[in-house]
C-alpha atoms as a PDB file:
ATOM      1  CA  MET A   1      72.714  31.389  44.915  1.00  0.00           C
ATOM      2  CA  TRP A   2      71.816  27.664  44.397  1.00  0.00           C
ATOM      3  CA  LEU A   3      70.866  27.611  48.129  1.00  0.00           C
ATOM      4  CA  ILE A   4      68.522  30.430  47.659  1.00  0.00           C
ATOM      5  CA  ALA A   5      66.928  28.797  44.501  1.00  0.00           C
ATOM      6  CA  ALA A   6      66.467  25.485  46.486  1.00  0.00           C
ATOM      7  CA  PHE A   7      64.890  27.428  49.289  1.00  0.00           C
ATOM      8  CA  ALA A   8      62.501  29.129  46.993  1.00  0.00           C
ATOM      9  CA  PHE A   9      61.385  25.929  45.336  1.00  0.00           C
ATOM     10  CA  ALA A  10      60.926  24.168  48.725  1.00  0.00           C
ATOM     11  CA  ALA A  11      58.746  27.170  49.784  1.00  0.00           C
ATOM     12  CA  MET A  12      56.746  27.061  46.756  1.00  0.00           C
ATOM     13  CA  SER A  13      56.148  23.392  46.929  1.00  0.00           C
ATOM     14  CA  LEU A  14      55.108  23.678  50.492  1.00  0.00           C
ATOM     15  CA  SER A  15      52.758  26.384  49.692  1.00  0.00           C
ATOM     16  CA  ARG A  16      50.996  24.406  46.920  1.00  0.00           C
ATOM     17  CA  ALA A  17      50.743  21.297  49.202  1.00  0.00           C
ATOM     18  CA  GLN A  18      49.288  23.532  51.829  1.00  0.00           C
ATOM     19  CA  GLU A  19      46.734  24.881  49.318  1.00  0.00           C
ATOM     20  CA  GLY A  20      45.674  21.327  48.506  1.00  0.00           C
ATOM     21  CA  ALA A  21      45.471  20.446  52.102  1.00  0.00           C
ATOM     22  CA  ASP A  22      43.224  23.455  52.800  1.00  0.00           C
ATOM     23  CA  GLU A  23      40.852  22.354  50.340  1.00  0.00           C
ATOM     24  CA  LYS A  24      40.626  18.788  51.963  1.00  0.00           C
ATOM     25  CA  PRO A  25      41.865  19.152  55.509  1.00  0.00           C
ATOM     26  CA  PHE A  26      40.744  15.610  56.524  1.00  0.00           C
ATOM     27  CA  ALA A  27      41.743  13.735  53.397  1.00  0.00           C
ATOM     28  CA  ASP A  28      43.950  10.829  53.999  1.00  0.00           C
ATOM     29  CA  VAL A  29      44.376  10.033  50.300  1.00  0.00           C
ATOM     30  CA  HIS A  30      45.258  12.233  47.516  1.00  0.00           C
ATOM     31  CA  VAL A  31      44.809  11.104  43.927  1.00  0.00           C
ATOM     32  CA  VAL A  32      45.511  12.751  40.505  1.00  0.00           C
ATOM     33  CA  LEU A  33      43.632  11.193  37.593  1.00  0.00           C
ATOM     34  CA  GLN A  34      45.218  11.777  34.241  1.00  0.00           C
ATOM     35  CA  LEU A  35      42.884  12.284  31.232  1.00  0.00           C
ATOM     36  CA  SER A  36      44.996  12.437  27.928  1.00  0.00           C
ATOM     37  CA  ASP A  37      42.379  10.824  25.520  1.00  0.00           C
ATOM     38  CA  GLN A  38      38.651  11.098  24.879  1.00  0.00           C
ATOM     39  CA  GLU A  39      38.063   7.277  25.227  1.00  0.00           C
ATOM     40  CA  HIS A  40      38.259   7.337  28.947  1.00  0.00           C
ATOM     41  CA  GLU A  41      36.284  10.494  29.768  1.00  0.00           C
ATOM     42  CA  SER A  42      33.435   8.406  31.355  1.00  0.00           C
ATOM     43  CA  SER A  43      35.962   6.049  33.025  1.00  0.00           C
ATOM     44  CA  VAL A  44      37.822   8.854  34.699  1.00  0.00           C
ATOM     45  CA  LEU A  45      34.540  10.209  36.097  1.00  0.00           C
ATOM     46  CA  ASP A  46      33.549   6.744  37.366  1.00  0.00           C
ATOM     47  CA  VAL A  47      36.901   6.288  38.985  1.00  0.00           C
ATOM     48  CA  ALA A  48      36.596   9.496  40.925  1.00  0.00           C
ATOM     49  CA  ASN A  49      33.103   8.724  42.074  1.00  0.00           C
ATOM     50  CA  ASN A  50      34.068   5.172  43.186  1.00  0.00           C
ATOM     51  CA  LEU A  51      36.906   6.551  45.092  1.00  0.00           C
ATOM     52  CA  ILE A  52      34.819   9.154  46.796  1.00  0.00           C
ATOM     53  CA  GLU A  53      32.443   6.241  47.862  1.00  0.00           C
ATOM     54  CA  HIS A  54      35.166   3.876  48.752  1.00  0.00           C
ATOM     55  CA  TYR A  55      36.807   6.253  51.045  1.00  0.00           C
ATOM     56  CA  GLY A  56      33.698   7.309  52.973  1.00  0.00           C
ATOM     57  CA  GLY A  57      32.864  10.611  51.264  1.00  0.00           C
ATOM     58  CA  PRO A  58      34.477  13.649  49.654  1.00  0.00           C
ATOM     59  CA  ASP A  59      36.106  14.934  52.753  1.00  0.00           C
ATOM     60  CA  PHE A  60      38.312  11.890  53.035  1.00  0.00           C
ATOM     61  CA  ILE A  61      39.765  11.908  49.584  1.00  0.00           C
ATOM     62  CA  ASP A  62      41.393  14.621  47.577  1.00  0.00           C
ATOM     63  CA  ILE A  63      41.105  14.251  43.915  1.00  0.00           C
ATOM     64  CA  GLU A  64      42.322  16.200  40.931  1.00  0.00           C
ATOM     65  CA  ILE A  65      41.551  15.492  37.448  1.00  0.00           C
ATOM     66  CA  VAL A  66      44.141  16.837  34.926  1.00  0.00           C
ATOM     67  CA  THR A  67      43.331  16.951  31.215  1.00  0.00           C
ATOM     68  CA  PHE A  68      45.794  17.541  28.361  1.00  0.00           C
ATOM     69  CA  GLY A  69      46.048  16.539  24.862  1.00  0.00           C
ATOM     70  CA  PRO A  70      42.618  15.177  23.455  1.00  0.00           C
ATOM     71  CA  GLY A  71      41.595  14.798  27.072  1.00  0.00           C
ATOM     72  CA  VAL A  72      40.901  18.561  27.364  1.00  0.00           C
ATOM     73  CA  ARG A  73      37.511  17.944  25.570  1.00  0.00           C
ATOM     74  CA  LEU A  74      36.051  16.773  28.680  1.00  0.00           C
ATOM     75  CA  LEU A  75      36.146  20.423  29.953  1.00  0.00           C
ATOM     76  CA  PHE A  76      34.812  22.107  26.775  1.00  0.00           C
ATOM     77  CA  LYS A  77      31.889  24.322  27.513  1.00  0.00           C
ATOM     78  CA  ASP A  78      28.430  22.660  27.352  1.00  0.00           C
ATOM     79  CA  GLY A  79      30.009  19.152  27.191  1.00  0.00           C
ATOM     80  CA  LYS A  80      27.876  15.964  27.643  1.00  0.00           C
ATOM     81  CA  TYR A  81      29.358  15.440  31.096  1.00  0.00           C
ATOM     82  CA  ASP A  82      28.646  18.812  32.537  1.00  0.00           C
ATOM     83  CA  ALA A  83      26.010  17.525  35.115  1.00  0.00           C
ATOM     84  CA  ARG A  84      28.373  14.941  36.278  1.00  0.00           C
ATOM     85  CA  ILE A  85      31.217  17.398  36.604  1.00  0.00           C
ATOM     86  CA  ALA A  86      29.167  19.795  38.474  1.00  0.00           C
ATOM     87  CA  SER A  87      28.186  17.122  40.898  1.00  0.00           C
ATOM     88  CA  MET A  88      31.867  16.354  41.329  1.00  0.00           C
ATOM     89  CA  ILE A  89      32.846  20.002  41.956  1.00  0.00           C
ATOM     90  CA  ASP A  90      30.208  19.993  44.721  1.00  0.00           C
ATOM     91  CA  ASN A  91      32.196  17.077  46.183  1.00  0.00           C
ATOM     92  CA  GLY A  92      35.535  19.040  45.970  1.00  0.00           C
ATOM     93  CA  VAL A  93      37.015  17.316  42.850  1.00  0.00           C
ATOM     94  CA  ARG A  94      39.193  19.825  41.112  1.00  0.00           C
ATOM     95  CA  PHE A  95      39.392  19.815  37.177  1.00  0.00           C
ATOM     96  CA  TYR A  96      42.583  21.086  35.519  1.00  0.00           C
ATOM     97  CA  ILE A  97      42.908  21.999  31.689  1.00  0.00           C
ATOM     98  CA  CYS A  98      46.218  22.297  29.943  1.00  0.00           C
ATOM     99  CA  ASP A  99      46.726  25.756  28.364  1.00  0.00           C
ATOM    100  CA  ASN A 100      49.496  24.310  26.038  1.00  0.00           C
ATOM    101  CA  THR A 101      46.851  22.070  24.428  1.00  0.00           C
ATOM    102  CA  LEU A 102      44.410  24.908  24.080  1.00  0.00           C
ATOM    103  CA  ASP A 103      47.074  27.007  22.512  1.00  0.00           C
ATOM    104  CA  SER A 104      47.789  24.282  20.001  1.00  0.00           C
ATOM    105  CA  MET A 105      44.149  23.854  19.032  1.00  0.00           C
ATOM    106  CA  GLU A 106      43.985  27.626  18.812  1.00  0.00           C
ATOM    107  CA  ARG A 107      46.888  27.749  16.253  1.00  0.00           C
ATOM    108  CA  LYS A 108      45.498  24.860  14.236  1.00  0.00           C
ATOM    109  CA  THR A 109      41.874  26.039  13.949  1.00  0.00           C
ATOM    110  CA  GLY A 110      42.206  29.695  14.331  1.00  0.00           C
ATOM    111  CA  GLN A 111      39.854  29.708  17.291  1.00  0.00           C
ATOM    112  CA  ARG A 112      40.268  28.978  21.018  1.00  0.00           C
ATOM    113  CA  PRO A 113      37.822  26.461  22.323  1.00  0.00           C
ATOM    114  CA  ASP A 114      35.425  27.697  25.053  1.00  0.00           C
ATOM    115  CA  VAL A 115      35.846  25.831  28.194  1.00  0.00           C
ATOM    116  CA  SER A 116      33.756  24.977  30.955  1.00  0.00           C
ATOM    117  CA  PRO A 117      33.598  27.277  33.974  1.00  0.00           C
ATOM    118  CA  TYR A 118      34.588  24.257  36.174  1.00  0.00           C
ATOM    119  CA  ALA A 119      38.020  24.119  34.418  1.00  0.00           C
ATOM    120  CA  ARG A 120      41.070  25.500  36.360  1.00  0.00           C
ATOM    121  CA  PRO A 121      43.694  26.482  33.805  1.00  0.00           C
ATOM    122  CA  VAL A 122      47.341  25.340  33.999  1.00  0.00           C
ATOM    123  CA  ARG A 123      50.151  26.175  31.722  1.00  0.00           C
ATOM    124  CA  SER A 124      51.080  22.448  31.346  1.00  0.00           C
ATOM    125  CA  GLY A 125      48.838  19.524  32.248  1.00  0.00           C
ATOM    126  CA  VAL A 126      51.840  17.140  32.442  1.00  0.00           C
ATOM    127  CA  ALA A 127      53.784  19.519  34.645  1.00  0.00           C
ATOM    128  CA  LYS A 128      50.657  19.834  37.048  1.00  0.00           C
ATOM    129  CA  ILE A 129      50.767  15.937  37.279  1.00  0.00           C
ATOM    130  CA  ILE A 130      54.413  15.887  38.083  1.00  0.00           C
ATOM    131  CA  GLU A 131      53.918  18.727  40.752  1.00  0.00           C
ATOM    132  CA  SER A 132      50.990  16.811  42.320  1.00  0.00           C
ATOM    133  CA  VAL A 133      52.863  13.578  42.539  1.00  0.00           C
ATOM    134  CA  ALA A 134      55.761  15.414  44.025  1.00  0.00           C
ATOM    135  CA  GLU A 135      53.344  16.746  46.663  1.00  0.00           C
ATOM    136  CA  GLY A 136      52.342  13.114  47.614  1.00  0.00           C
ATOM    137  CA  PHE A 137      49.450  12.541  45.188  1.00  0.00           C
ATOM    138  CA  THR A 138      49.010   8.982  43.657  1.00  0.00           C
ATOM    139  CA  LEU A 139      48.891   9.153  39.843  1.00  0.00           C
ATOM    140  CA  VAL A 140      46.012   7.030  38.304  1.00  0.00           C
ATOM    141  CA  LYS A 141      45.500   6.753  34.624  1.00  0.00           C
ATOM    142  CA  PRO A 142      42.189   4.909  33.957  1.00  0.00           C
END
């Protein structure tokens, strides 16, 4: 039974790694940027832009930005960084938002925040970071 579970986990991990590789087939560098506060919203976007420029364009670096805790506010609908985020989406940057954080906000306020159409929901932002690092991404927390 243990062997079957290990095989299933390995197959799932390989599948996820291949999904990321399919999105950026020529990327030599894979980076996950963590945003867990509001103070670093602009910095995270700046770092992503700087990395794209440094590595010679969006095809050569694979970037994920994972938000959780107060950092999810970056991906609220009609946010102040929407134009920058849209530009980064055009360059293949993926933005993830933590459903656990949104659930907590909904419990506290009685209303679920509207999120950007650019946000890719994940059950747990922290788990997404752990999975990305296990797939070979380098974690950066600006």
